[in-house]
N, C-alpha and C. Protein backbone atom coordinates (compact mmCIF):
# COMPACT_ATOMS: atom_id res chain seq x y z
N UNK A 1 1.80 21.53 -0.49
CA UNK A 1 1.66 20.48 0.50
C UNK A 1 0.62 19.47 0.05
N UNK A 2 0.84 18.21 0.41
CA UNK A 2 -0.07 17.14 0.00
C UNK A 2 -1.48 17.39 0.53
N UNK A 3 -1.58 17.76 1.81
CA UNK A 3 -2.91 17.94 2.40
C UNK A 3 -3.67 19.09 1.75
N UNK A 4 -2.95 20.14 1.31
CA UNK A 4 -3.61 21.24 0.61
C UNK A 4 -4.15 20.77 -0.74
N UNK A 5 -3.32 20.01 -1.46
CA UNK A 5 -3.74 19.51 -2.78
C UNK A 5 -4.95 18.59 -2.66
N UNK A 6 -5.00 17.79 -1.57
CA UNK A 6 -6.13 16.88 -1.36
C UNK A 6 -7.28 17.53 -0.60
N UNK A 7 -7.10 18.79 -0.22
CA UNK A 7 -8.11 19.56 0.52
C UNK A 7 -8.48 18.87 1.84
N UNK A 8 -7.43 18.53 2.62
CA UNK A 8 -7.62 17.87 3.91
C UNK A 8 -7.33 18.85 5.04
N UNK A 9 -8.15 18.81 6.06
CA UNK A 9 -7.85 19.62 7.24
C UNK A 9 -7.10 18.75 8.25
N UNK A 10 -6.78 19.33 9.39
CA UNK A 10 -5.99 18.63 10.40
C UNK A 10 -6.70 17.37 10.90
N UNK A 11 -8.01 17.42 11.06
CA UNK A 11 -8.75 16.25 11.55
C UNK A 11 -8.67 15.11 10.54
N UNK A 12 -8.88 15.42 9.25
CA UNK A 12 -8.76 14.39 8.21
C UNK A 12 -7.36 13.78 8.20
N UNK A 13 -6.34 14.62 8.32
CA UNK A 13 -4.96 14.12 8.32
C UNK A 13 -4.73 13.19 9.52
N UNK A 14 -5.25 13.56 10.68
CA UNK A 14 -5.10 12.72 11.87
C UNK A 14 -5.79 11.37 11.67
N UNK A 15 -7.00 11.42 11.13
CA UNK A 15 -7.75 10.18 10.89
C UNK A 15 -6.98 9.27 9.93
N UNK A 16 -6.53 9.82 8.82
CA UNK A 16 -5.80 9.03 7.83
C UNK A 16 -4.53 8.45 8.44
N UNK A 17 -3.80 9.25 9.19
CA UNK A 17 -2.56 8.76 9.82
C UNK A 17 -2.84 7.61 10.77
N UNK A 18 -3.88 7.73 11.58
CA UNK A 18 -4.21 6.66 12.52
C UNK A 18 -4.63 5.38 11.80
N UNK A 19 -5.44 5.53 10.77
CA UNK A 19 -5.91 4.36 10.01
C UNK A 19 -4.73 3.69 9.30
N UNK A 20 -3.79 4.48 8.78
CA UNK A 20 -2.63 3.90 8.11
C UNK A 20 -1.76 3.13 9.10
N UNK A 21 -1.64 3.64 10.31
CA UNK A 21 -0.84 2.96 11.34
C UNK A 21 -1.51 1.67 11.80
N UNK A 22 -2.84 1.70 11.93
CA UNK A 22 -3.58 0.53 12.41
C UNK A 22 -4.97 0.52 11.77
N UNK A 23 -5.11 -0.18 10.63
CA UNK A 23 -6.40 -0.22 9.93
C UNK A 23 -7.52 -0.86 10.74
N UNK A 24 -7.19 -1.54 11.82
CA UNK A 24 -8.21 -2.23 12.62
C UNK A 24 -8.82 -1.35 13.71
N UNK A 25 -8.37 -0.10 13.82
CA UNK A 25 -8.96 0.79 14.82
C UNK A 25 -10.44 1.00 14.55
N UNK A 26 -11.23 1.01 15.59
CA UNK A 26 -12.65 1.32 15.44
C UNK A 26 -12.83 2.83 15.36
N UNK A 27 -13.99 3.25 14.90
CA UNK A 27 -14.30 4.68 14.85
C UNK A 27 -14.25 5.28 16.25
N UNK A 28 -14.70 4.52 17.23
CA UNK A 28 -14.68 5.00 18.62
C UNK A 28 -13.25 5.21 19.10
N UNK A 29 -12.36 4.28 18.78
CA UNK A 29 -10.96 4.42 19.19
C UNK A 29 -10.30 5.63 18.51
N UNK A 30 -10.60 5.83 17.24
CA UNK A 30 -10.07 7.00 16.53
C UNK A 30 -10.61 8.27 17.17
N UNK A 31 -11.90 8.28 17.43
CA UNK A 31 -12.53 9.46 18.04
C UNK A 31 -11.87 9.83 19.36
N UNK A 32 -11.60 8.84 20.17
CA UNK A 32 -10.94 9.08 21.47
C UNK A 32 -9.56 9.68 21.26
N UNK A 33 -8.81 9.15 20.29
CA UNK A 33 -7.44 9.61 20.05
C UNK A 33 -7.38 11.04 19.51
N UNK A 34 -8.40 11.47 18.76
CA UNK A 34 -8.36 12.82 18.18
C UNK A 34 -9.33 13.78 18.87
N UNK A 35 -9.94 13.30 19.93
CA UNK A 35 -10.84 14.14 20.73
C UNK A 35 -12.03 14.67 19.92
N UNK A 36 -12.67 13.76 19.20
CA UNK A 36 -13.87 14.06 18.42
C UNK A 36 -14.91 12.98 18.72
N UNK A 37 -16.13 13.18 18.27
CA UNK A 37 -17.18 12.18 18.50
C UNK A 37 -17.06 11.05 17.48
N UNK A 38 -17.59 9.90 17.86
CA UNK A 38 -17.57 8.75 16.95
C UNK A 38 -18.37 9.03 15.68
N UNK A 39 -19.56 9.68 15.74
CA UNK A 39 -20.28 9.99 14.49
C UNK A 39 -19.48 10.92 13.57
N UNK A 40 -18.75 11.87 14.16
CA UNK A 40 -17.93 12.78 13.35
C UNK A 40 -16.86 11.99 12.60
N UNK A 41 -16.20 11.09 13.31
CA UNK A 41 -15.16 10.26 12.68
C UNK A 41 -15.78 9.40 11.58
N UNK A 42 -16.92 8.78 11.85
CA UNK A 42 -17.58 7.94 10.86
C UNK A 42 -17.95 8.72 9.60
N UNK A 43 -18.50 9.93 9.79
CA UNK A 43 -18.88 10.76 8.63
C UNK A 43 -17.65 11.18 7.83
N UNK A 44 -16.58 11.53 8.53
CA UNK A 44 -15.36 11.95 7.82
C UNK A 44 -14.73 10.79 7.05
N UNK A 45 -14.69 9.61 7.66
CA UNK A 45 -14.14 8.45 6.96
C UNK A 45 -14.99 8.13 5.74
N UNK A 46 -16.30 8.18 5.88
CA UNK A 46 -17.19 7.92 4.74
C UNK A 46 -16.93 8.93 3.62
N UNK A 47 -16.76 10.22 3.98
CA UNK A 47 -16.48 11.27 2.98
C UNK A 47 -15.13 11.03 2.30
N UNK A 48 -14.12 10.67 3.08
CA UNK A 48 -12.79 10.41 2.52
C UNK A 48 -12.82 9.21 1.57
N UNK A 49 -13.59 8.19 1.94
CA UNK A 49 -13.73 7.01 1.06
C UNK A 49 -14.50 7.37 -0.21
N UNK A 50 -15.58 8.12 -0.07
CA UNK A 50 -16.39 8.51 -1.22
C UNK A 50 -15.57 9.33 -2.22
N UNK A 51 -14.69 10.18 -1.71
CA UNK A 51 -13.85 11.02 -2.57
C UNK A 51 -12.62 10.27 -3.10
N UNK A 52 -12.46 9.01 -2.70
CA UNK A 52 -11.35 8.21 -3.21
C UNK A 52 -10.02 8.52 -2.54
N UNK A 53 -10.04 9.29 -1.47
CA UNK A 53 -8.80 9.67 -0.79
C UNK A 53 -8.34 8.57 0.15
N UNK A 54 -9.27 7.92 0.82
CA UNK A 54 -8.96 6.86 1.77
C UNK A 54 -9.56 5.56 1.26
N UNK A 55 -8.72 4.54 1.17
CA UNK A 55 -9.21 3.23 0.75
C UNK A 55 -8.67 2.17 1.69
N UNK A 56 -9.48 1.19 1.93
CA UNK A 56 -9.07 0.03 2.70
C UNK A 56 -8.88 -1.08 1.68
N UNK A 57 -7.63 -1.50 1.47
CA UNK A 57 -7.34 -2.46 0.43
C UNK A 57 -6.92 -3.80 1.02
N UNK A 58 -7.76 -4.81 0.82
CA UNK A 58 -7.33 -6.13 1.25
C UNK A 58 -6.28 -6.67 0.29
N UNK A 59 -5.44 -7.50 0.77
CA UNK A 59 -4.42 -8.07 -0.09
C UNK A 59 -3.40 -8.85 0.72
N UNK A 60 -2.33 -9.17 0.07
CA UNK A 60 -1.22 -9.93 0.64
C UNK A 60 -0.13 -8.94 1.04
N UNK A 61 0.41 -9.09 2.25
CA UNK A 61 1.51 -8.24 2.68
C UNK A 61 2.81 -8.88 2.19
N UNK A 62 3.38 -8.32 1.14
CA UNK A 62 4.57 -8.89 0.52
C UNK A 62 5.79 -8.86 1.42
N UNK A 63 5.76 -8.04 2.45
CA UNK A 63 6.87 -8.04 3.40
C UNK A 63 6.88 -9.31 4.23
N UNK A 64 5.72 -9.94 4.40
CA UNK A 64 5.60 -11.05 5.34
C UNK A 64 5.39 -12.42 4.69
N UNK A 65 5.36 -12.49 3.37
CA UNK A 65 5.13 -13.77 2.71
C UNK A 65 6.32 -14.13 1.83
N UNK A 66 6.41 -15.39 1.51
CA UNK A 66 7.50 -15.88 0.68
C UNK A 66 7.03 -16.01 -0.77
N UNK A 67 6.79 -14.85 -1.39
CA UNK A 67 6.44 -14.80 -2.80
C UNK A 67 7.47 -13.93 -3.51
N UNK A 68 7.66 -14.20 -4.78
CA UNK A 68 8.61 -13.41 -5.56
C UNK A 68 7.89 -12.19 -6.13
N UNK A 69 8.50 -11.05 -5.92
CA UNK A 69 8.00 -9.78 -6.44
C UNK A 69 9.09 -9.21 -7.34
N UNK A 70 8.69 -8.74 -8.50
CA UNK A 70 9.66 -8.19 -9.45
C UNK A 70 9.13 -6.89 -10.02
N UNK A 71 10.06 -6.01 -10.36
CA UNK A 71 9.71 -4.82 -11.12
C UNK A 71 10.27 -5.01 -12.52
N UNK A 72 9.48 -4.64 -13.50
CA UNK A 72 9.91 -4.72 -14.89
C UNK A 72 9.69 -3.35 -15.50
N UNK A 73 10.77 -2.79 -16.01
CA UNK A 73 10.65 -1.51 -16.71
C UNK A 73 10.85 -1.77 -18.19
N UNK A 74 9.93 -1.22 -18.99
CA UNK A 74 10.01 -1.41 -20.43
C UNK A 74 9.95 -0.05 -21.14
N UNK A 75 10.61 -0.02 -22.26
CA UNK A 75 10.49 1.11 -23.18
C UNK A 75 9.76 0.53 -24.39
N UNK A 76 8.57 1.07 -24.66
CA UNK A 76 7.74 0.52 -25.72
C UNK A 76 7.15 1.64 -26.57
N UNK A 77 6.89 1.31 -27.81
CA UNK A 77 6.24 2.26 -28.71
C UNK A 77 4.75 2.35 -28.42
N UNK A 78 4.22 1.36 -27.67
CA UNK A 78 2.79 1.30 -27.41
C UNK A 78 2.54 1.05 -25.91
N UNK A 79 2.73 2.07 -25.06
CA UNK A 79 2.54 1.86 -23.62
C UNK A 79 1.10 1.47 -23.25
N UNK A 80 0.12 1.90 -24.04
CA UNK A 80 -1.28 1.55 -23.73
C UNK A 80 -1.50 0.04 -23.79
N UNK A 81 -0.83 -0.63 -24.70
CA UNK A 81 -0.96 -2.09 -24.80
C UNK A 81 -0.48 -2.75 -23.51
N UNK A 82 0.64 -2.29 -22.97
CA UNK A 82 1.18 -2.86 -21.73
C UNK A 82 0.24 -2.53 -20.56
N UNK A 83 -0.30 -1.33 -20.53
CA UNK A 83 -1.23 -0.95 -19.47
C UNK A 83 -2.49 -1.82 -19.53
N UNK A 84 -3.01 -2.08 -20.73
CA UNK A 84 -4.17 -2.96 -20.89
C UNK A 84 -3.85 -4.39 -20.46
N UNK A 85 -2.66 -4.85 -20.83
CA UNK A 85 -2.22 -6.19 -20.47
C UNK A 85 -2.22 -6.34 -18.94
N UNK A 86 -1.73 -5.32 -18.25
CA UNK A 86 -1.63 -5.36 -16.78
C UNK A 86 -3.01 -5.43 -16.12
N UNK A 87 -4.03 -4.93 -16.79
CA UNK A 87 -5.38 -4.98 -16.25
C UNK A 87 -5.93 -6.41 -16.23
N UNK A 88 -5.37 -7.29 -17.05
CA UNK A 88 -5.91 -8.64 -17.21
C UNK A 88 -4.99 -9.76 -16.74
N UNK A 89 -3.70 -9.56 -16.81
CA UNK A 89 -2.75 -10.62 -16.50
C UNK A 89 -2.69 -10.88 -14.99
N UNK A 90 -2.92 -12.12 -14.53
CA UNK A 90 -2.91 -12.39 -13.10
C UNK A 90 -1.54 -12.25 -12.45
N UNK A 91 -0.48 -12.27 -13.23
CA UNK A 91 0.87 -12.10 -12.67
C UNK A 91 1.21 -10.62 -12.46
N UNK A 92 0.53 -9.74 -13.19
CA UNK A 92 0.83 -8.31 -13.13
C UNK A 92 -0.05 -7.64 -12.08
N UNK A 93 0.58 -7.23 -10.99
CA UNK A 93 -0.17 -6.61 -9.89
C UNK A 93 -0.61 -5.20 -10.24
N UNK A 94 0.24 -4.50 -10.98
CA UNK A 94 -0.08 -3.14 -11.40
C UNK A 94 0.94 -2.69 -12.43
N UNK A 95 0.63 -1.59 -13.09
CA UNK A 95 1.56 -1.00 -14.05
C UNK A 95 1.46 0.51 -13.93
N UNK A 96 2.56 1.16 -14.23
CA UNK A 96 2.65 2.61 -14.11
C UNK A 96 3.29 3.18 -15.37
N UNK A 97 2.68 4.22 -15.93
CA UNK A 97 3.32 4.96 -17.02
C UNK A 97 4.38 5.84 -16.39
N UNK A 98 5.54 5.90 -17.01
CA UNK A 98 6.67 6.65 -16.48
C UNK A 98 7.15 7.70 -17.46
N UNK A 99 7.84 8.69 -16.92
CA UNK A 99 8.62 9.59 -17.76
C UNK A 99 10.05 9.07 -17.69
N UNK A 100 10.86 9.43 -18.63
CA UNK A 100 12.25 8.98 -18.57
C UNK A 100 12.55 7.92 -19.60
N UNK A 101 13.66 7.23 -19.39
CA UNK A 101 14.14 6.26 -20.36
C UNK A 101 13.13 5.13 -20.62
N UNK A 102 12.58 4.55 -19.57
CA UNK A 102 11.53 3.54 -19.70
C UNK A 102 10.19 4.23 -19.52
N UNK A 103 9.17 3.79 -20.28
CA UNK A 103 7.88 4.48 -20.19
C UNK A 103 6.80 3.68 -19.48
N UNK A 104 7.10 2.44 -19.05
CA UNK A 104 6.15 1.66 -18.27
C UNK A 104 6.93 0.84 -17.24
N UNK A 105 6.38 0.78 -16.02
CA UNK A 105 6.91 -0.09 -14.96
C UNK A 105 5.79 -1.01 -14.53
N UNK A 106 6.10 -2.30 -14.45
CA UNK A 106 5.12 -3.31 -14.08
C UNK A 106 5.58 -4.02 -12.82
N UNK A 107 4.65 -4.29 -11.91
CA UNK A 107 4.93 -5.12 -10.74
C UNK A 107 4.40 -6.51 -11.02
N UNK A 108 5.27 -7.51 -10.91
CA UNK A 108 4.89 -8.90 -11.14
C UNK A 108 5.04 -9.69 -9.85
N UNK A 109 4.21 -10.72 -9.67
CA UNK A 109 4.35 -11.59 -8.51
C UNK A 109 4.03 -13.03 -8.88
N UNK A 110 4.76 -13.94 -8.24
CA UNK A 110 4.50 -15.36 -8.42
C UNK A 110 5.21 -16.13 -7.32
N UNK A 111 4.81 -17.39 -7.16
CA UNK A 111 5.50 -18.26 -6.22
C UNK A 111 6.77 -18.85 -6.84
N UNK A 112 6.89 -18.74 -8.17
CA UNK A 112 8.05 -19.30 -8.87
C UNK A 112 8.73 -18.26 -9.76
N UNK A 113 10.04 -18.14 -9.61
CA UNK A 113 10.81 -17.19 -10.42
C UNK A 113 10.71 -17.52 -11.91
N UNK A 114 10.70 -18.81 -12.25
CA UNK A 114 10.65 -19.20 -13.66
C UNK A 114 9.41 -18.66 -14.35
N UNK A 115 8.28 -18.64 -13.64
CA UNK A 115 7.05 -18.10 -14.22
C UNK A 115 7.22 -16.62 -14.54
N UNK A 116 7.84 -15.87 -13.63
CA UNK A 116 8.07 -14.44 -13.87
C UNK A 116 8.97 -14.24 -15.09
N UNK A 117 10.03 -15.03 -15.16
CA UNK A 117 10.96 -14.92 -16.28
C UNK A 117 10.25 -15.23 -17.60
N UNK A 118 9.41 -16.26 -17.61
CA UNK A 118 8.67 -16.62 -18.83
C UNK A 118 7.69 -15.52 -19.23
N UNK A 119 7.02 -14.91 -18.25
CA UNK A 119 6.10 -13.81 -18.56
C UNK A 119 6.86 -12.66 -19.21
N UNK A 120 8.00 -12.30 -18.62
CA UNK A 120 8.80 -11.19 -19.15
C UNK A 120 9.31 -11.53 -20.55
N UNK A 121 9.81 -12.74 -20.74
CA UNK A 121 10.32 -13.13 -22.06
C UNK A 121 9.21 -13.13 -23.10
N UNK A 122 8.05 -13.69 -22.76
CA UNK A 122 6.97 -13.81 -23.73
C UNK A 122 6.33 -12.46 -24.05
N UNK A 123 5.94 -11.72 -23.01
CA UNK A 123 5.17 -10.50 -23.23
C UNK A 123 6.02 -9.28 -23.58
N UNK A 124 7.26 -9.26 -23.16
CA UNK A 124 8.05 -8.05 -23.36
C UNK A 124 9.27 -8.26 -24.26
N UNK A 125 10.11 -9.22 -23.96
CA UNK A 125 11.34 -9.41 -24.74
C UNK A 125 11.04 -9.90 -26.16
N UNK A 126 9.92 -10.58 -26.35
CA UNK A 126 9.52 -11.05 -27.69
C UNK A 126 8.65 -10.05 -28.43
N UNK A 127 8.30 -8.96 -27.81
CA UNK A 127 7.39 -7.98 -28.40
C UNK A 127 8.18 -6.98 -29.24
N UNK A 128 7.92 -6.92 -30.55
CA UNK A 128 8.67 -6.00 -31.41
C UNK A 128 8.43 -4.53 -31.08
N UNK A 129 7.33 -4.22 -30.37
CA UNK A 129 7.05 -2.84 -29.96
C UNK A 129 7.92 -2.42 -28.78
N UNK A 130 8.49 -3.38 -28.07
CA UNK A 130 9.30 -3.11 -26.88
C UNK A 130 10.77 -3.05 -27.29
N UNK A 131 11.41 -1.92 -26.97
CA UNK A 131 12.80 -1.73 -27.38
C UNK A 131 13.79 -1.94 -26.23
N UNK A 132 13.30 -1.97 -24.99
CA UNK A 132 14.19 -2.17 -23.85
C UNK A 132 13.40 -2.79 -22.70
N UNK A 133 14.02 -3.76 -22.01
CA UNK A 133 13.39 -4.44 -20.87
C UNK A 133 14.41 -4.58 -19.75
N UNK A 134 13.98 -4.25 -18.55
CA UNK A 134 14.82 -4.44 -17.37
C UNK A 134 13.96 -5.06 -16.27
N UNK A 135 14.38 -6.26 -15.80
CA UNK A 135 13.64 -6.93 -14.73
C UNK A 135 14.53 -7.01 -13.49
N UNK A 136 13.96 -6.61 -12.37
CA UNK A 136 14.66 -6.66 -11.09
C UNK A 136 13.80 -7.43 -10.10
N UNK A 137 14.41 -8.34 -9.36
CA UNK A 137 13.72 -9.08 -8.31
C UNK A 137 13.84 -8.29 -7.01
N UNK A 138 12.74 -8.09 -6.33
CA UNK A 138 12.74 -7.37 -5.05
C UNK A 138 13.30 -8.32 -3.99
N UNK A 139 14.36 -7.90 -3.32
CA UNK A 139 15.01 -8.73 -2.31
C UNK A 139 14.53 -8.44 -0.89
N UNK A 140 14.14 -7.19 -0.63
CA UNK A 140 13.69 -6.81 0.70
C UNK A 140 12.74 -5.63 0.57
N UNK A 141 11.84 -5.51 1.54
CA UNK A 141 10.86 -4.44 1.55
C UNK A 141 10.94 -3.75 2.90
N UNK A 142 11.06 -2.42 2.91
CA UNK A 142 11.25 -1.66 4.14
C UNK A 142 10.01 -1.63 5.02
N UNK A 143 8.85 -1.41 4.43
CA UNK A 143 7.60 -1.29 5.18
C UNK A 143 6.60 -2.32 4.69
N UNK A 144 5.54 -2.52 5.47
CA UNK A 144 4.47 -3.40 4.99
C UNK A 144 4.03 -2.92 3.60
N UNK A 145 3.79 -3.87 2.70
CA UNK A 145 3.44 -3.56 1.32
C UNK A 145 2.31 -4.51 0.92
N UNK A 146 1.08 -4.00 1.00
CA UNK A 146 -0.10 -4.84 0.78
C UNK A 146 -0.67 -4.58 -0.60
N UNK A 147 -0.81 -5.66 -1.36
CA UNK A 147 -1.40 -5.58 -2.69
C UNK A 147 -2.32 -6.78 -2.91
N UNK A 148 -3.42 -6.56 -3.63
CA UNK A 148 -4.25 -7.71 -3.96
C UNK A 148 -3.50 -8.61 -4.93
N UNK A 149 -3.78 -9.89 -4.84
CA UNK A 149 -3.13 -10.84 -5.74
C UNK A 149 -4.20 -11.72 -6.38
N UNK A 150 -3.97 -12.08 -7.62
CA UNK A 150 -4.89 -12.94 -8.36
C UNK A 150 -4.39 -14.38 -8.24
N UNK A 151 -5.08 -15.19 -7.46
CA UNK A 151 -4.65 -16.56 -7.24
C UNK A 151 -4.76 -17.42 -8.50
N UNK A 152 -5.43 -16.93 -9.54
CA UNK A 152 -5.49 -17.65 -10.81
C UNK A 152 -4.11 -17.81 -11.43
N UNK A 153 -3.16 -16.99 -11.04
CA UNK A 153 -1.81 -17.09 -11.62
C UNK A 153 -1.21 -18.47 -11.36
N UNK A 154 -1.60 -19.11 -10.27
CA UNK A 154 -1.06 -20.44 -9.96
C UNK A 154 -1.54 -21.49 -10.96
N UNK A 155 -2.67 -21.23 -11.65
CA UNK A 155 -3.19 -22.16 -12.65
C UNK A 155 -2.49 -22.01 -14.00
N UNK A 156 -1.67 -20.98 -14.14
CA UNK A 156 -0.99 -20.71 -15.41
C UNK A 156 0.47 -21.14 -15.31
N UNK A 157 0.93 -21.78 -16.37
CA UNK A 157 2.34 -22.15 -16.47
C UNK A 157 2.88 -21.54 -17.75
N UNK A 158 3.21 -20.25 -17.69
CA UNK A 158 3.63 -19.56 -18.91
C UNK A 158 4.92 -20.14 -19.48
N UNK A 159 4.97 -20.17 -20.81
CA UNK A 159 6.18 -20.61 -21.50
C UNK A 159 6.60 -19.50 -22.45
N UNK A 160 7.82 -19.57 -22.90
CA UNK A 160 8.33 -18.59 -23.85
C UNK A 160 7.56 -18.67 -25.17
N UNK A 161 7.16 -19.87 -25.55
CA UNK A 161 6.49 -20.07 -26.84
C UNK A 161 5.02 -19.64 -26.82
N UNK A 162 4.30 -19.96 -25.74
CA UNK A 162 2.85 -19.77 -25.72
C UNK A 162 2.34 -18.80 -24.67
N UNK A 163 3.20 -18.18 -23.91
CA UNK A 163 2.73 -17.34 -22.81
C UNK A 163 1.94 -18.21 -21.86
N UNK A 164 0.75 -17.80 -21.48
CA UNK A 164 -0.10 -18.60 -20.58
C UNK A 164 -0.98 -19.56 -21.36
N UNK A 165 -0.84 -19.60 -22.67
CA UNK A 165 -1.64 -20.52 -23.48
C UNK A 165 -3.09 -20.07 -23.59
N UNK A 166 -3.97 -21.04 -23.74
CA UNK A 166 -5.39 -20.76 -23.96
C UNK A 166 -6.05 -20.06 -22.78
N UNK A 167 -5.50 -20.21 -21.57
CA UNK A 167 -6.09 -19.61 -20.38
C UNK A 167 -5.67 -18.15 -20.19
N UNK A 168 -4.82 -17.62 -21.06
CA UNK A 168 -4.30 -16.25 -20.89
C UNK A 168 -5.46 -15.25 -20.86
N UNK A 169 -5.63 -14.61 -19.73
CA UNK A 169 -6.74 -13.66 -19.56
C UNK A 169 -6.61 -12.47 -20.50
N UNK A 170 -5.39 -12.05 -20.80
CA UNK A 170 -5.18 -10.94 -21.72
C UNK A 170 -5.62 -11.35 -23.13
N UNK A 171 -5.20 -12.55 -23.56
CA UNK A 171 -5.60 -13.05 -24.88
C UNK A 171 -7.12 -13.17 -24.99
N UNK A 172 -7.74 -13.70 -23.95
CA UNK A 172 -9.21 -13.86 -23.94
C UNK A 172 -9.88 -12.50 -24.02
N UNK A 173 -9.41 -11.53 -23.25
CA UNK A 173 -9.99 -10.18 -23.27
C UNK A 173 -9.82 -9.55 -24.65
N UNK A 174 -8.65 -9.77 -25.27
CA UNK A 174 -8.39 -9.24 -26.61
C UNK A 174 -9.36 -9.85 -27.63
N UNK A 175 -9.54 -11.17 -27.53
CA UNK A 175 -10.43 -11.87 -28.46
C UNK A 175 -11.88 -11.40 -28.32
N UNK A 176 -12.27 -11.04 -27.11
CA UNK A 176 -13.63 -10.56 -26.86
C UNK A 176 -13.79 -9.07 -27.17
N UNK A 177 -12.68 -8.42 -27.56
CA UNK A 177 -12.74 -6.99 -27.88
C UNK A 177 -12.78 -6.10 -26.65
N UNK A 178 -12.38 -6.63 -25.50
CA UNK A 178 -12.36 -5.84 -24.26
C UNK A 178 -11.10 -4.99 -24.14
N UNK A 179 -10.13 -5.26 -24.99
CA UNK A 179 -8.86 -4.51 -24.96
C UNK A 179 -8.69 -3.81 -26.29
């Protein structure tokens, strides 16, 4: 069970469930709902946050905004390079190492589809280490989906020839030896 693996008791599970349903609940409101004191709820939330189990993540709710979200799955000889790239590229919201046919999945976002296509063409389809690329545009999202977004992506106009050009955060990080 998930709660056993995370070492959560019933009170922690109730707190997490309530916070997930409504992140704006106060400690007092949670305490009332689970029949515990407000200091108990506060201490438990602090412990859950300290242990990395509970996080409050600000970001954009992709279910409610008109932005393009895409998944890109790649098969590459060097998955670490793609993972490092995702840490710096403002278009890449996150990346995941996978088992199976493709070994990396990347989430991309932009206000323009052409920018996403250029990023995929430049960073993946032109990369000799990448043997397979599949890009899918997300058409609908079932539940709220909140992710932080890097607004610097709007300052970049990636092309097939130059990627993001001189402003490319991945290129800059590479040049500084951060990657």
